[in-house]
ModelCIF file with pLDDT and N, C-alpha, C, O atoms, coordinates in Angstrom:
data_MODEL
#
_entry.id   MODEL 
#
_entity.id                         1 
_entity.type                       polymer 
_entity.pdbx_number_of_molecules   1 
#
_entity_poly.entity_id                      1 
_entity_poly.type                           'polypeptide(L)' 
_entity_poly.nstd_linkage                   no 
_entity_poly.nstd_monomer                   no 
_entity_poly.pdbx_seq_one_letter_code       GAAFLGSYADKHGRRAALLLSVKLMAGGSLLIACAPGYATIGLGAP 
_entity_poly.pdbx_seq_one_letter_code_can   GAAFLGSYADKHGRRAALLLSVKLMAGGSLLIACAPGYATIGLGAP 
_entity_poly.pdbx_strand_id                 A 
#
loop_
_entity_poly_seq.entity_id 
_entity_poly_seq.num 
_entity_poly_seq.mon_id 
_entity_poly_seq.hetero 
1 1  GLY n 
1 2  ALA n 
1 3  ALA n 
1 4  PHE n 
1 5  LEU n 
1 6  GLY n 
1 7  SER n 
1 8  TYR n 
1 9  ALA n 
1 10 ASP n 
1 11 LYS n 
1 12 HIS n 
1 13 GLY n 
1 14 ARG n 
1 15 ARG n 
1 16 ALA n 
1 17 ALA n 
1 18 LEU n 
1 19 LEU n 
1 20 LEU n 
1 21 SER n 
1 22 VAL n 
1 23 LYS n 
1 24 LEU n 
1 25 MET n 
1 26 ALA n 
1 27 GLY n 
1 28 GLY n 
1 29 SER n 
1 30 LEU n 
1 31 LEU n 
1 32 ILE n 
1 33 ALA n 
1 34 CYS n 
1 35 ALA n 
1 36 PRO n 
1 37 GLY n 
1 38 TYR n 
1 39 ALA n 
1 40 THR n 
1 41 ILE n 
1 42 GLY n 
1 43 LEU n 
1 44 GLY n 
1 45 ALA n 
1 46 PRO n 
#
_struct_asym.id          A 
_struct_asym.entity_id   1 
#
loop_
_ma_qa_metric.id 
_ma_qa_metric.mode 
_ma_qa_metric.name 
_ma_qa_metric.software_group_id 
_ma_qa_metric.type 
1 global pLDDT . pLDDT 
2 local  pLDDT . pLDDT 
#
_ma_qa_metric_global.metric_id      1 
_ma_qa_metric_global.metric_value   85.24 
_ma_qa_metric_global.model_id       1 
_ma_qa_metric_global.ordinal_id     1 
#
loop_
_ma_qa_metric_local.label_asym_id 
_ma_qa_metric_local.label_comp_id 
_ma_qa_metric_local.label_seq_id 
_ma_qa_metric_local.metric_id 
_ma_qa_metric_local.metric_value 
_ma_qa_metric_local.model_id 
_ma_qa_metric_local.ordinal_id 
A GLY 1  2 87.00 1 1  
A ALA 2  2 86.00 1 2  
A ALA 3  2 85.00 1 3  
A PHE 4  2 86.00 1 4  
A LEU 5  2 86.00 1 5  
A GLY 6  2 84.00 1 6  
A SER 7  2 83.00 1 7  
A TYR 8  2 84.00 1 8  
A ALA 9  2 85.00 1 9  
A ASP 10 2 82.00 1 10 
A LYS 11 2 82.00 1 11 
A HIS 12 2 80.00 1 12 
A GLY 13 2 81.00 1 13 
A ARG 14 2 82.00 1 14 
A ARG 15 2 82.00 1 15 
A ALA 16 2 85.00 1 16 
A ALA 17 2 86.00 1 17 
A LEU 18 2 86.00 1 18 
A LEU 19 2 87.00 1 19 
A LEU 20 2 88.00 1 20 
A SER 21 2 88.00 1 21 
A VAL 22 2 86.00 1 22 
A LYS 23 2 87.00 1 23 
A LEU 24 2 89.00 1 24 
A MET 25 2 87.00 1 25 
A ALA 26 2 86.00 1 26 
A GLY 27 2 89.00 1 27 
A GLY 28 2 88.00 1 28 
A SER 29 2 89.00 1 29 
A LEU 30 2 90.00 1 30 
A LEU 31 2 91.00 1 31 
A ILE 32 2 89.00 1 32 
A ALA 33 2 90.00 1 33 
A CYS 34 2 90.00 1 34 
A ALA 35 2 88.00 1 35 
A PRO 36 2 89.00 1 36 
A GLY 37 2 82.00 1 37 
A TYR 38 2 79.00 1 38 
A ALA 39 2 78.00 1 39 
A THR 40 2 85.00 1 40 
A ILE 41 2 86.00 1 41 
A GLY 42 2 81.00 1 42 
A LEU 43 2 79.00 1 43 
A GLY 44 2 84.00 1 44 
A ALA 45 2 82.00 1 45 
A PRO 46 2 82.00 1 46 
#
loop_
_atom_site.group_PDB 
_atom_site.id 
_atom_site.type_symbol 
_atom_site.label_atom_id 
_atom_site.label_alt_id 
_atom_site.label_comp_id 
_atom_site.label_asym_id 
_atom_site.label_entity_id 
_atom_site.label_seq_id 
_atom_site.pdbx_PDB_ins_code 
_atom_site.Cartn_x 
_atom_site.Cartn_y 
_atom_site.Cartn_z 
_atom_site.occupancy 
_atom_site.B_iso_or_equiv 
_atom_site.pdbx_formal_charge 
_atom_site.auth_seq_id 
_atom_site.auth_comp_id 
_atom_site.auth_asym_id 
_atom_site.auth_atom_id 
_atom_site.pdbx_PDB_model_num 
ATOM 1   N N  . GLY A 1 1  ? 190.980 100.440 -1.004  1.00 87.00 ? 1  GLY A N  1 
ATOM 2   C CA . GLY A 1 1  ? 190.965 99.023  -1.953  1.00 87.00 ? 1  GLY A CA 1 
ATOM 3   C C  . GLY A 1 1  ? 190.129 99.837  -3.123  1.00 87.00 ? 1  GLY A C  1 
ATOM 4   O O  . GLY A 1 1  ? 190.228 99.806  -4.349  1.00 87.00 ? 1  GLY A O  1 
ATOM 5   N N  . ALA A 1 2  ? 189.194 100.639 -2.162  1.00 86.00 ? 2  ALA A N  1 
ATOM 6   C CA . ALA A 1 2  ? 187.610 101.379 -3.287  1.00 86.00 ? 2  ALA A CA 1 
ATOM 7   C C  . ALA A 1 2  ? 188.729 101.758 -4.552  1.00 86.00 ? 2  ALA A C  1 
ATOM 8   O O  . ALA A 1 2  ? 189.019 101.144 -5.579  1.00 86.00 ? 2  ALA A O  1 
ATOM 9   N N  . ALA A 1 3  ? 189.005 102.500 -4.228  1.00 85.00 ? 3  ALA A N  1 
ATOM 10  C CA . ALA A 1 3  ? 189.268 103.229 -4.800  1.00 85.00 ? 3  ALA A CA 1 
ATOM 11  C C  . ALA A 1 3  ? 190.526 102.597 -5.940  1.00 85.00 ? 3  ALA A C  1 
ATOM 12  O O  . ALA A 1 3  ? 190.384 103.170 -7.020  1.00 85.00 ? 3  ALA A O  1 
ATOM 13  N N  . PHE A 1 4  ? 191.249 101.970 -5.959  1.00 86.00 ? 4  PHE A N  1 
ATOM 14  C CA . PHE A 1 4  ? 192.299 101.519 -6.128  1.00 86.00 ? 4  PHE A CA 1 
ATOM 15  C C  . PHE A 1 4  ? 191.794 100.228 -7.044  1.00 86.00 ? 4  PHE A C  1 
ATOM 16  O O  . PHE A 1 4  ? 192.049 100.285 -8.247  1.00 86.00 ? 4  PHE A O  1 
ATOM 17  N N  . LEU A 1 5  ? 191.117 99.109  -6.551  1.00 86.00 ? 5  LEU A N  1 
ATOM 18  C CA . LEU A 1 5  ? 190.646 98.234  -7.124  1.00 86.00 ? 5  LEU A CA 1 
ATOM 19  C C  . LEU A 1 5  ? 189.944 98.393  -8.179  1.00 86.00 ? 5  LEU A C  1 
ATOM 20  O O  . LEU A 1 5  ? 189.984 97.736  -9.219  1.00 86.00 ? 5  LEU A O  1 
ATOM 21  N N  . GLY A 1 6  ? 188.878 99.842  -7.734  1.00 84.00 ? 6  GLY A N  1 
ATOM 22  C CA . GLY A 1 6  ? 187.605 99.702  -8.225  1.00 84.00 ? 6  GLY A CA 1 
ATOM 23  C C  . GLY A 1 6  ? 188.237 100.471 -9.904  1.00 84.00 ? 6  GLY A C  1 
ATOM 24  O O  . GLY A 1 6  ? 187.903 99.914  -10.949 1.00 84.00 ? 6  GLY A O  1 
ATOM 25  N N  . SER A 1 7  ? 188.923 101.447 -9.935  1.00 83.00 ? 7  SER A N  1 
ATOM 26  C CA . SER A 1 7  ? 189.753 101.940 -10.714 1.00 83.00 ? 7  SER A CA 1 
ATOM 27  C C  . SER A 1 7  ? 190.376 100.903 -11.953 1.00 83.00 ? 7  SER A C  1 
ATOM 28  O O  . SER A 1 7  ? 190.269 100.977 -13.178 1.00 83.00 ? 7  SER A O  1 
ATOM 29  N N  . TYR A 1 8  ? 191.088 99.882  -11.043 1.00 84.00 ? 8  TYR A N  1 
ATOM 30  C CA . TYR A 1 8  ? 191.660 98.472  -12.064 1.00 84.00 ? 8  TYR A CA 1 
ATOM 31  C C  . TYR A 1 8  ? 190.831 97.576  -12.770 1.00 84.00 ? 8  TYR A C  1 
ATOM 32  O O  . TYR A 1 8  ? 191.080 96.828  -13.716 1.00 84.00 ? 8  TYR A O  1 
ATOM 33  N N  . ALA A 1 9  ? 189.406 97.876  -11.890 1.00 85.00 ? 9  ALA A N  1 
ATOM 34  C CA . ALA A 1 9  ? 188.351 96.532  -12.567 1.00 85.00 ? 9  ALA A CA 1 
ATOM 35  C C  . ALA A 1 9  ? 187.667 97.344  -13.987 1.00 85.00 ? 9  ALA A C  1 
ATOM 36  O O  . ALA A 1 9  ? 187.123 96.842  -14.971 1.00 85.00 ? 9  ALA A O  1 
ATOM 37  N N  . ASP A 1 10 ? 187.922 98.710  -13.667 1.00 82.00 ? 10 ASP A N  1 
ATOM 38  C CA . ASP A 1 10 ? 187.478 99.661  -14.705 1.00 82.00 ? 10 ASP A CA 1 
ATOM 39  C C  . ASP A 1 10 ? 188.088 99.728  -15.779 1.00 82.00 ? 10 ASP A C  1 
ATOM 40  O O  . ASP A 1 10 ? 187.610 99.749  -16.914 1.00 82.00 ? 10 ASP A O  1 
ATOM 41  N N  . LYS A 1 11 ? 189.409 99.773  -15.385 1.00 82.00 ? 11 LYS A N  1 
ATOM 42  C CA . LYS A 1 11 ? 190.657 99.357  -16.397 1.00 82.00 ? 11 LYS A CA 1 
ATOM 43  C C  . LYS A 1 11 ? 190.712 98.704  -17.245 1.00 82.00 ? 11 LYS A C  1 
ATOM 44  O O  . LYS A 1 11 ? 190.721 99.084  -18.416 1.00 82.00 ? 11 LYS A O  1 
ATOM 45  N N  . HIS A 1 12 ? 190.784 97.108  -16.709 1.00 80.00 ? 12 HIS A N  1 
ATOM 46  C CA . HIS A 1 12 ? 191.524 96.391  -16.841 1.00 80.00 ? 12 HIS A CA 1 
ATOM 47  C C  . HIS A 1 12 ? 190.400 95.105  -16.834 1.00 80.00 ? 12 HIS A C  1 
ATOM 48  O O  . HIS A 1 12 ? 190.667 94.087  -17.472 1.00 80.00 ? 12 HIS A O  1 
ATOM 49  N N  . GLY A 1 13 ? 189.259 95.209  -16.149 1.00 81.00 ? 13 GLY A N  1 
ATOM 50  C CA . GLY A 1 13 ? 188.417 94.047  -15.892 1.00 81.00 ? 13 GLY A CA 1 
ATOM 51  C C  . GLY A 1 13 ? 188.104 94.125  -14.545 1.00 81.00 ? 13 GLY A C  1 
ATOM 52  O O  . GLY A 1 13 ? 188.627 94.743  -13.618 1.00 81.00 ? 13 GLY A O  1 
ATOM 53  N N  . ARG A 1 14 ? 187.040 93.295  -14.621 1.00 82.00 ? 14 ARG A N  1 
ATOM 54  C CA . ARG A 1 14 ? 186.200 92.718  -13.359 1.00 82.00 ? 14 ARG A CA 1 
ATOM 55  C C  . ARG A 1 14 ? 186.763 91.861  -12.839 1.00 82.00 ? 14 ARG A C  1 
ATOM 56  O O  . ARG A 1 14 ? 186.623 91.746  -11.622 1.00 82.00 ? 14 ARG A O  1 
ATOM 57  N N  . ARG A 1 15 ? 187.620 90.927  -13.569 1.00 82.00 ? 15 ARG A N  1 
ATOM 58  C CA . ARG A 1 15 ? 187.693 89.284  -13.614 1.00 82.00 ? 15 ARG A CA 1 
ATOM 59  C C  . ARG A 1 15 ? 189.152 89.891  -13.338 1.00 82.00 ? 15 ARG A C  1 
ATOM 60  O O  . ARG A 1 15 ? 189.120 89.326  -12.245 1.00 82.00 ? 15 ARG A O  1 
ATOM 61  N N  . ALA A 1 16 ? 190.404 90.528  -13.330 1.00 85.00 ? 16 ALA A N  1 
ATOM 62  C CA . ALA A 1 16 ? 191.343 90.991  -12.767 1.00 85.00 ? 16 ALA A CA 1 
ATOM 63  C C  . ALA A 1 16 ? 191.354 91.616  -11.955 1.00 85.00 ? 16 ALA A C  1 
ATOM 64  O O  . ALA A 1 16 ? 192.422 91.837  -11.384 1.00 85.00 ? 16 ALA A O  1 
ATOM 65  N N  . ALA A 1 17 ? 190.179 92.187  -11.529 1.00 86.00 ? 17 ALA A N  1 
ATOM 66  C CA . ALA A 1 17 ? 190.402 92.441  -10.157 1.00 86.00 ? 17 ALA A CA 1 
ATOM 67  C C  . ALA A 1 17 ? 190.481 92.271  -9.164  1.00 86.00 ? 17 ALA A C  1 
ATOM 68  O O  . ALA A 1 17 ? 191.266 92.718  -8.329  1.00 86.00 ? 17 ALA A O  1 
ATOM 69  N N  . LEU A 1 18 ? 189.074 91.085  -9.045  1.00 86.00 ? 18 LEU A N  1 
ATOM 70  C CA . LEU A 1 18 ? 188.829 90.234  -8.135  1.00 86.00 ? 18 LEU A CA 1 
ATOM 71  C C  . LEU A 1 18 ? 190.038 88.894  -7.887  1.00 86.00 ? 18 LEU A C  1 
ATOM 72  O O  . LEU A 1 18 ? 190.199 88.437  -6.755  1.00 86.00 ? 18 LEU A O  1 
ATOM 73  N N  . LEU A 1 19 ? 190.756 88.411  -8.972  1.00 87.00 ? 19 LEU A N  1 
ATOM 74  C CA . LEU A 1 19 ? 191.499 87.959  -8.559  1.00 87.00 ? 19 LEU A CA 1 
ATOM 75  C C  . LEU A 1 19 ? 192.864 88.455  -7.261  1.00 87.00 ? 19 LEU A C  1 
ATOM 76  O O  . LEU A 1 19 ? 193.331 87.932  -6.249  1.00 87.00 ? 19 LEU A O  1 
ATOM 77  N N  . LEU A 1 20 ? 193.107 89.836  -8.091  1.00 88.00 ? 20 LEU A N  1 
ATOM 78  C CA . LEU A 1 20 ? 193.912 90.674  -6.899  1.00 88.00 ? 20 LEU A CA 1 
ATOM 79  C C  . LEU A 1 20 ? 193.480 90.857  -5.759  1.00 88.00 ? 20 LEU A C  1 
ATOM 80  O O  . LEU A 1 20 ? 194.168 91.182  -4.791  1.00 88.00 ? 20 LEU A O  1 
ATOM 81  N N  . SER A 1 21 ? 192.145 90.643  -5.768  1.00 88.00 ? 21 SER A N  1 
ATOM 82  C CA . SER A 1 21 ? 191.491 90.916  -4.261  1.00 88.00 ? 21 SER A CA 1 
ATOM 83  C C  . SER A 1 21 ? 191.678 90.036  -3.635  1.00 88.00 ? 21 SER A C  1 
ATOM 84  O O  . SER A 1 21 ? 192.212 90.405  -2.589  1.00 88.00 ? 21 SER A O  1 
ATOM 85  N N  . VAL A 1 22 ? 191.506 88.758  -3.674  1.00 86.00 ? 22 VAL A N  1 
ATOM 86  C CA . VAL A 1 22 ? 191.600 87.090  -3.284  1.00 86.00 ? 22 VAL A CA 1 
ATOM 87  C C  . VAL A 1 22 ? 193.029 87.213  -2.171  1.00 86.00 ? 22 VAL A C  1 
ATOM 88  O O  . VAL A 1 22 ? 193.288 87.124  -0.971  1.00 86.00 ? 22 VAL A O  1 
ATOM 89  N N  . LYS A 1 23 ? 193.795 87.513  -3.667  1.00 87.00 ? 23 LYS A N  1 
ATOM 90  C CA . LYS A 1 23 ? 195.988 86.878  -3.108  1.00 87.00 ? 23 LYS A CA 1 
ATOM 91  C C  . LYS A 1 23 ? 195.806 87.811  -2.374  1.00 87.00 ? 23 LYS A C  1 
ATOM 92  O O  . LYS A 1 23 ? 195.817 87.310  -1.250  1.00 87.00 ? 23 LYS A O  1 
ATOM 93  N N  . LEU A 1 24 ? 195.536 89.560  -2.220  1.00 89.00 ? 24 LEU A N  1 
ATOM 94  C CA . LEU A 1 24 ? 195.444 89.979  -0.808  1.00 89.00 ? 24 LEU A CA 1 
ATOM 95  C C  . LEU A 1 24 ? 195.353 89.574  0.616   1.00 89.00 ? 24 LEU A C  1 
ATOM 96  O O  . LEU A 1 24 ? 196.011 89.674  1.652   1.00 89.00 ? 24 LEU A O  1 
ATOM 97  N N  . MET A 1 25 ? 193.637 88.801  -0.038  1.00 87.00 ? 25 MET A N  1 
ATOM 98  C CA . MET A 1 25 ? 192.592 88.262  1.589   1.00 87.00 ? 25 MET A CA 1 
ATOM 99  C C  . MET A 1 25 ? 193.664 87.057  1.689   1.00 87.00 ? 25 MET A C  1 
ATOM 100 O O  . MET A 1 25 ? 193.616 86.615  2.837   1.00 87.00 ? 25 MET A O  1 
ATOM 101 N N  . ALA A 1 26 ? 194.355 86.554  1.119   1.00 86.00 ? 26 ALA A N  1 
ATOM 102 C CA . ALA A 1 26 ? 194.794 85.181  1.924   1.00 86.00 ? 26 ALA A CA 1 
ATOM 103 C C  . ALA A 1 26 ? 196.508 84.976  2.099   1.00 86.00 ? 26 ALA A C  1 
ATOM 104 O O  . ALA A 1 26 ? 197.155 83.984  2.432   1.00 86.00 ? 26 ALA A O  1 
ATOM 105 N N  . GLY A 1 27 ? 197.080 86.834  1.597   1.00 89.00 ? 27 GLY A N  1 
ATOM 106 C CA . GLY A 1 27 ? 198.246 86.816  2.251   1.00 89.00 ? 27 GLY A CA 1 
ATOM 107 C C  . GLY A 1 27 ? 197.976 87.633  3.538   1.00 89.00 ? 27 GLY A C  1 
ATOM 108 O O  . GLY A 1 27 ? 198.851 88.006  4.319   1.00 89.00 ? 27 GLY A O  1 
ATOM 109 N N  . GLY A 1 28 ? 196.471 87.890  3.671   1.00 88.00 ? 28 GLY A N  1 
ATOM 110 C CA . GLY A 1 28 ? 196.283 88.567  5.273   1.00 88.00 ? 28 GLY A CA 1 
ATOM 111 C C  . GLY A 1 28 ? 195.787 87.930  6.395   1.00 88.00 ? 28 GLY A C  1 
ATOM 112 O O  . GLY A 1 28 ? 195.725 88.527  7.470   1.00 88.00 ? 28 GLY A O  1 
ATOM 113 N N  . SER A 1 29 ? 195.384 86.642  6.250   1.00 89.00 ? 29 SER A N  1 
ATOM 114 C CA . SER A 1 29 ? 194.550 85.759  6.897   1.00 89.00 ? 29 SER A CA 1 
ATOM 115 C C  . SER A 1 29 ? 195.959 85.020  7.398   1.00 89.00 ? 29 SER A C  1 
ATOM 116 O O  . SER A 1 29 ? 196.358 85.055  8.562   1.00 89.00 ? 29 SER A O  1 
ATOM 117 N N  . LEU A 1 30 ? 196.760 84.221  6.093   1.00 90.00 ? 30 LEU A N  1 
ATOM 118 C CA . LEU A 1 30 ? 197.899 83.586  6.863   1.00 90.00 ? 30 LEU A CA 1 
ATOM 119 C C  . LEU A 1 30 ? 198.569 84.108  7.631   1.00 90.00 ? 30 LEU A C  1 
ATOM 120 O O  . LEU A 1 30 ? 198.962 83.483  8.616   1.00 90.00 ? 30 LEU A O  1 
ATOM 121 N N  . LEU A 1 31 ? 199.005 85.779  7.364   1.00 91.00 ? 31 LEU A N  1 
ATOM 122 C CA . LEU A 1 31 ? 199.716 86.408  8.397   1.00 91.00 ? 31 LEU A CA 1 
ATOM 123 C C  . LEU A 1 31 ? 199.018 86.534  9.912   1.00 91.00 ? 31 LEU A C  1 
ATOM 124 O O  . LEU A 1 31 ? 199.731 86.641  10.910  1.00 91.00 ? 31 LEU A O  1 
ATOM 125 N N  . ILE A 1 32 ? 197.561 86.511  9.990   1.00 89.00 ? 32 ILE A N  1 
ATOM 126 C CA . ILE A 1 32 ? 197.134 86.461  11.150  1.00 89.00 ? 32 ILE A CA 1 
ATOM 127 C C  . ILE A 1 32 ? 197.404 85.394  11.738  1.00 89.00 ? 32 ILE A C  1 
ATOM 128 O O  . ILE A 1 32 ? 197.514 85.343  12.963  1.00 89.00 ? 32 ILE A O  1 
ATOM 129 N N  . ALA A 1 33 ? 197.574 84.233  10.850  1.00 90.00 ? 33 ALA A N  1 
ATOM 130 C CA . ALA A 1 33 ? 197.858 82.531  11.466  1.00 90.00 ? 33 ALA A CA 1 
ATOM 131 C C  . ALA A 1 33 ? 198.720 82.594  11.751  1.00 90.00 ? 33 ALA A C  1 
ATOM 132 O O  . ALA A 1 33 ? 198.783 81.943  12.794  1.00 90.00 ? 33 ALA A O  1 
ATOM 133 N N  . CYS A 1 34 ? 199.714 83.033  11.506  1.00 90.00 ? 34 CYS A N  1 
ATOM 134 C CA . CYS A 1 34 ? 201.385 83.348  12.133  1.00 90.00 ? 34 CYS A CA 1 
ATOM 135 C C  . CYS A 1 34 ? 201.522 83.681  12.614  1.00 90.00 ? 34 CYS A C  1 
ATOM 136 O O  . CYS A 1 34 ? 201.893 82.884  13.477  1.00 90.00 ? 34 CYS A O  1 
ATOM 137 N N  . ALA A 1 35 ? 201.592 85.323  13.235  1.00 88.00 ? 35 ALA A N  1 
ATOM 138 C CA . ALA A 1 35 ? 201.910 86.433  13.892  1.00 88.00 ? 35 ALA A CA 1 
ATOM 139 C C  . ALA A 1 35 ? 201.982 85.618  15.264  1.00 88.00 ? 35 ALA A C  1 
ATOM 140 O O  . ALA A 1 35 ? 201.081 84.952  15.774  1.00 88.00 ? 35 ALA A O  1 
ATOM 141 N N  . PRO A 1 36 ? 203.140 85.814  15.686  1.00 89.00 ? 36 PRO A N  1 
ATOM 142 C CA . PRO A 1 36 ? 203.210 85.822  17.577  1.00 89.00 ? 36 PRO A CA 1 
ATOM 143 C C  . PRO A 1 36 ? 202.461 86.810  18.273  1.00 89.00 ? 36 PRO A C  1 
ATOM 144 O O  . PRO A 1 36 ? 201.871 87.851  17.983  1.00 89.00 ? 36 PRO A O  1 
ATOM 145 N N  . GLY A 1 37 ? 202.722 86.018  19.459  1.00 82.00 ? 37 GLY A N  1 
ATOM 146 C CA . GLY A 1 37 ? 201.820 86.451  20.569  1.00 82.00 ? 37 GLY A CA 1 
ATOM 147 C C  . GLY A 1 37 ? 202.643 87.814  21.629  1.00 82.00 ? 37 GLY A C  1 
ATOM 148 O O  . GLY A 1 37 ? 203.822 87.779  21.982  1.00 82.00 ? 37 GLY A O  1 
ATOM 149 N N  . TYR A 1 38 ? 201.779 88.777  21.921  1.00 79.00 ? 38 TYR A N  1 
ATOM 150 C CA . TYR A 1 38 ? 202.740 89.956  22.527  1.00 79.00 ? 38 TYR A CA 1 
ATOM 151 C C  . TYR A 1 38 ? 203.830 89.258  23.764  1.00 79.00 ? 38 TYR A C  1 
ATOM 152 O O  . TYR A 1 38 ? 204.897 89.861  23.880  1.00 79.00 ? 38 TYR A O  1 
ATOM 153 N N  . ALA A 1 39 ? 203.643 88.161  24.585  1.00 78.00 ? 39 ALA A N  1 
ATOM 154 C CA . ALA A 1 39 ? 204.464 87.527  24.914  1.00 78.00 ? 39 ALA A CA 1 
ATOM 155 C C  . ALA A 1 39 ? 205.612 86.728  24.380  1.00 78.00 ? 39 ALA A C  1 
ATOM 156 O O  . ALA A 1 39 ? 206.326 85.894  24.937  1.00 78.00 ? 39 ALA A O  1 
ATOM 157 N N  . THR A 1 40 ? 205.605 87.270  22.967  1.00 85.00 ? 40 THR A N  1 
ATOM 158 C CA . THR A 1 40 ? 206.613 86.554  22.173  1.00 85.00 ? 40 THR A CA 1 
ATOM 159 C C  . THR A 1 40 ? 207.582 87.836  21.498  1.00 85.00 ? 40 THR A C  1 
ATOM 160 O O  . THR A 1 40 ? 208.811 87.815  21.553  1.00 85.00 ? 40 THR A O  1 
ATOM 161 N N  . ILE A 1 41 ? 206.920 88.756  20.965  1.00 86.00 ? 41 ILE A N  1 
ATOM 162 C CA . ILE A 1 41 ? 207.449 90.084  20.306  1.00 86.00 ? 41 ILE A CA 1 
ATOM 163 C C  . ILE A 1 41 ? 206.947 91.200  21.274  1.00 86.00 ? 41 ILE A C  1 
ATOM 164 O O  . ILE A 1 41 ? 207.589 92.225  21.048  1.00 86.00 ? 41 ILE A O  1 
ATOM 165 N N  . GLY A 1 42 ? 206.331 91.317  21.944  1.00 81.00 ? 42 GLY A N  1 
ATOM 166 C CA . GLY A 1 42 ? 205.950 92.366  22.554  1.00 81.00 ? 42 GLY A CA 1 
ATOM 167 C C  . GLY A 1 42 ? 204.899 93.547  21.599  1.00 81.00 ? 42 GLY A C  1 
ATOM 168 O O  . GLY A 1 42 ? 203.748 93.236  21.294  1.00 81.00 ? 42 GLY A O  1 
ATOM 169 N N  . LEU A 1 43 ? 205.427 94.713  21.268  1.00 79.00 ? 43 LEU A N  1 
ATOM 170 C CA . LEU A 1 43 ? 204.629 95.653  20.356  1.00 79.00 ? 43 LEU A CA 1 
ATOM 171 C C  . LEU A 1 43 ? 204.318 95.036  18.945  1.00 79.00 ? 43 LEU A C  1 
ATOM 172 O O  . LEU A 1 43 ? 203.460 95.379  18.132  1.00 79.00 ? 43 LEU A O  1 
ATOM 173 N N  . GLY A 1 44 ? 205.452 93.817  18.865  1.00 84.00 ? 44 GLY A N  1 
ATOM 174 C CA . GLY A 1 44 ? 205.372 93.773  17.368  1.00 84.00 ? 44 GLY A CA 1 
ATOM 175 C C  . GLY A 1 44 ? 204.523 92.863  17.065  1.00 84.00 ? 44 GLY A C  1 
ATOM 176 O O  . GLY A 1 44 ? 204.297 92.582  15.888  1.00 84.00 ? 44 GLY A O  1 
ATOM 177 N N  . ALA A 1 45 ? 203.705 92.044  18.447  1.00 82.00 ? 45 ALA A N  1 
ATOM 178 C CA . ALA A 1 45 ? 202.255 91.079  18.012  1.00 82.00 ? 45 ALA A CA 1 
ATOM 179 C C  . ALA A 1 45 ? 201.192 91.788  17.519  1.00 82.00 ? 45 ALA A C  1 
ATOM 180 O O  . ALA A 1 45 ? 200.683 91.579  16.418  1.00 82.00 ? 45 ALA A O  1 
ATOM 181 N N  . PRO A 1 46 ? 200.737 92.874  18.545  1.00 82.00 ? 46 PRO A N  1 
ATOM 182 C CA . PRO A 1 46 ? 199.939 93.830  17.971  1.00 82.00 ? 46 PRO A CA 1 
ATOM 183 C C  . PRO A 1 46 ? 199.797 94.379  16.091  1.00 82.00 ? 46 PRO A C  1 
ATOM 184 O O  . PRO A 1 46 ? 199.012 95.269  15.765  1.00 82.00 ? 46 PRO A O  1 
#
């Protein structure tokens, strides 16, 4: 993430990279919130 977004920030701007980083964080948090447990989908949960 540091290599990708750092290069992106140095090329396209700090603001653009900060917008992209928060989009990724929102997606990750939503996935954890909705993920079924081990009892439901086994190894798919972890």
